[in-house]
Protein backbone atom coordinates (compact mmCIF):
# COMPACT_ATOMS: atom_id res chain seq x y z
CA UNK A 1 43.71 -12.52 -48.06
CA UNK A 2 40.68 -11.34 -45.93
CA UNK A 3 37.92 -13.49 -46.40
CA UNK A 4 34.57 -11.76 -47.64
CA UNK A 5 32.30 -11.02 -44.85
CA UNK A 6 29.45 -13.07 -43.59
CA UNK A 7 31.50 -16.23 -44.69
CA UNK A 8 32.59 -18.97 -42.25
CA UNK A 9 36.15 -17.83 -42.59
CA UNK A 10 35.08 -14.10 -42.01
CA UNK A 11 33.23 -15.23 -38.94
CA UNK A 12 36.27 -17.42 -37.71
CA UNK A 13 38.80 -14.54 -38.41
CA UNK A 14 36.54 -12.24 -36.22
CA UNK A 15 36.29 -15.01 -33.37
CA UNK A 16 40.26 -15.36 -33.28
CA UNK A 17 40.57 -11.31 -33.24
CA UNK A 18 38.31 -10.46 -30.68
CA UNK A 19 40.44 -12.86 -28.66
CA UNK A 20 43.82 -10.97 -29.28
CA UNK A 21 44.39 -9.60 -25.72
CA UNK A 22 43.67 -13.10 -24.46
CA UNK A 23 45.72 -14.75 -26.92
CA UNK A 24 48.99 -12.35 -26.12
CA UNK A 25 48.70 -12.99 -22.46
CA UNK A 26 48.18 -16.62 -22.50
CA UNK A 27 51.02 -16.72 -25.16
CA UNK A 28 53.60 -14.98 -22.51
CA UNK A 29 51.96 -17.35 -19.95
CA UNK A 30 53.10 -20.25 -22.18
CA UNK A 31 56.67 -19.09 -21.96
CA UNK A 32 56.83 -18.89 -18.49
CA UNK A 33 55.17 -22.43 -17.75
CA UNK A 34 58.18 -23.74 -20.12
CA UNK A 35 60.65 -22.24 -17.48
CA UNK A 36 59.05 -24.46 -14.72
CA UNK A 37 58.59 -27.38 -17.18
CA UNK A 38 54.81 -27.72 -17.28
CA UNK A 39 53.64 -29.30 -20.47
CA UNK A 40 50.65 -27.82 -22.02
CA UNK A 41 48.74 -27.73 -25.03
CA UNK A 42 47.12 -24.32 -26.64
CA UNK A 43 43.49 -24.92 -28.03
CA UNK A 44 40.73 -22.68 -29.06
CA UNK A 45 37.02 -23.41 -28.55
CA UNK A 46 34.80 -21.28 -30.98
CA UNK A 47 37.84 -18.95 -30.66
CA UNK A 48 38.36 -18.24 -26.96
CA UNK A 49 42.04 -19.65 -26.26
CA UNK A 50 42.95 -22.07 -23.47
CA UNK A 51 45.79 -24.07 -22.16
CA UNK A 52 45.37 -28.01 -21.47
CA UNK A 53 47.79 -29.03 -18.85
CA UNK A 54 47.35 -32.47 -18.42
CA UNK A 55 43.54 -33.93 -18.25
CA UNK A 56 43.33 -32.07 -15.14
CA UNK A 57 43.84 -28.59 -15.43
CA UNK A 58 42.62 -26.14 -17.97
CA UNK A 59 43.65 -22.36 -17.82
CA UNK A 60 41.76 -19.44 -19.81
CA UNK A 61 40.85 -15.72 -19.47
CA UNK A 62 38.13 -13.41 -20.85
CA UNK A 63 38.33 -10.90 -23.68
CA UNK A 64 40.34 -8.29 -22.02
CA UNK A 65 42.72 -10.71 -20.38
CA UNK A 66 42.62 -8.79 -17.34
CA UNK A 67 42.15 -11.90 -15.09
CA UNK A 68 43.68 -15.68 -15.38
CA UNK A 69 41.37 -18.76 -14.75
CA UNK A 70 42.39 -22.30 -13.90
CA UNK A 71 40.81 -25.24 -13.17
CA UNK A 72 39.31 -28.39 -13.93
CA UNK A 73 37.48 -27.27 -17.21
CA UNK A 74 35.76 -23.84 -18.31
CA UNK A 75 32.34 -23.21 -16.42
CA UNK A 76 33.28 -25.06 -13.22
CA UNK A 77 34.40 -23.34 -9.85
CA UNK A 78 37.76 -22.13 -10.89
CA UNK A 79 41.10 -20.10 -9.14
CA UNK A 80 41.47 -16.76 -10.36
CA UNK A 81 44.08 -13.85 -10.35
CA UNK A 82 44.75 -10.77 -11.85
CA UNK A 83 47.06 -10.95 -15.08
CA UNK A 84 49.15 -8.15 -13.73
CA UNK A 85 51.73 -10.55 -12.28
CA UNK A 86 51.97 -13.29 -14.65
CA UNK A 87 55.21 -14.76 -13.20
CA UNK A 88 53.14 -15.27 -10.04
CA UNK A 89 50.41 -16.71 -12.12
CA UNK A 90 52.74 -19.16 -13.59
CA UNK A 91 54.22 -20.34 -10.41
CA UNK A 92 50.88 -21.09 -8.81
CA UNK A 93 49.49 -22.92 -11.81
CA UNK A 94 52.88 -25.08 -12.02
CA UNK A 95 52.36 -25.82 -8.23
CA UNK A 96 48.77 -26.94 -8.82
CA UNK A 97 50.20 -29.13 -11.59
CA UNK A 98 52.85 -30.70 -10.08
CA UNK A 99 50.38 -31.78 -7.06
CA UNK A 100 47.96 -32.95 -9.61
CA UNK A 101 50.20 -35.11 -11.44
CA UNK A 102 51.66 -36.37 -8.26
CA UNK A 103 48.12 -37.70 -7.02
């Protein structure tokens, strides 16, 4: 059922829909991180999808999902790389996650 426009449910659906490309890229990245045995949690904040890896690493992207960012949290300096090569992105994030868990 499609919610009535202007309702909170409609607003929430619109937020989720606008993040569609980002959600698809992060879902593919989740599969690759699982191959590296990196535990994560998928969350949404104001519609924006993110992956939380432990307590020290957050992975996110913009609406168009052209670039993947990862760092301590949104709004703080982060590493970034094009999302064209998700295998490389997953490898780099897995390396950082391992290093963070060893510290």
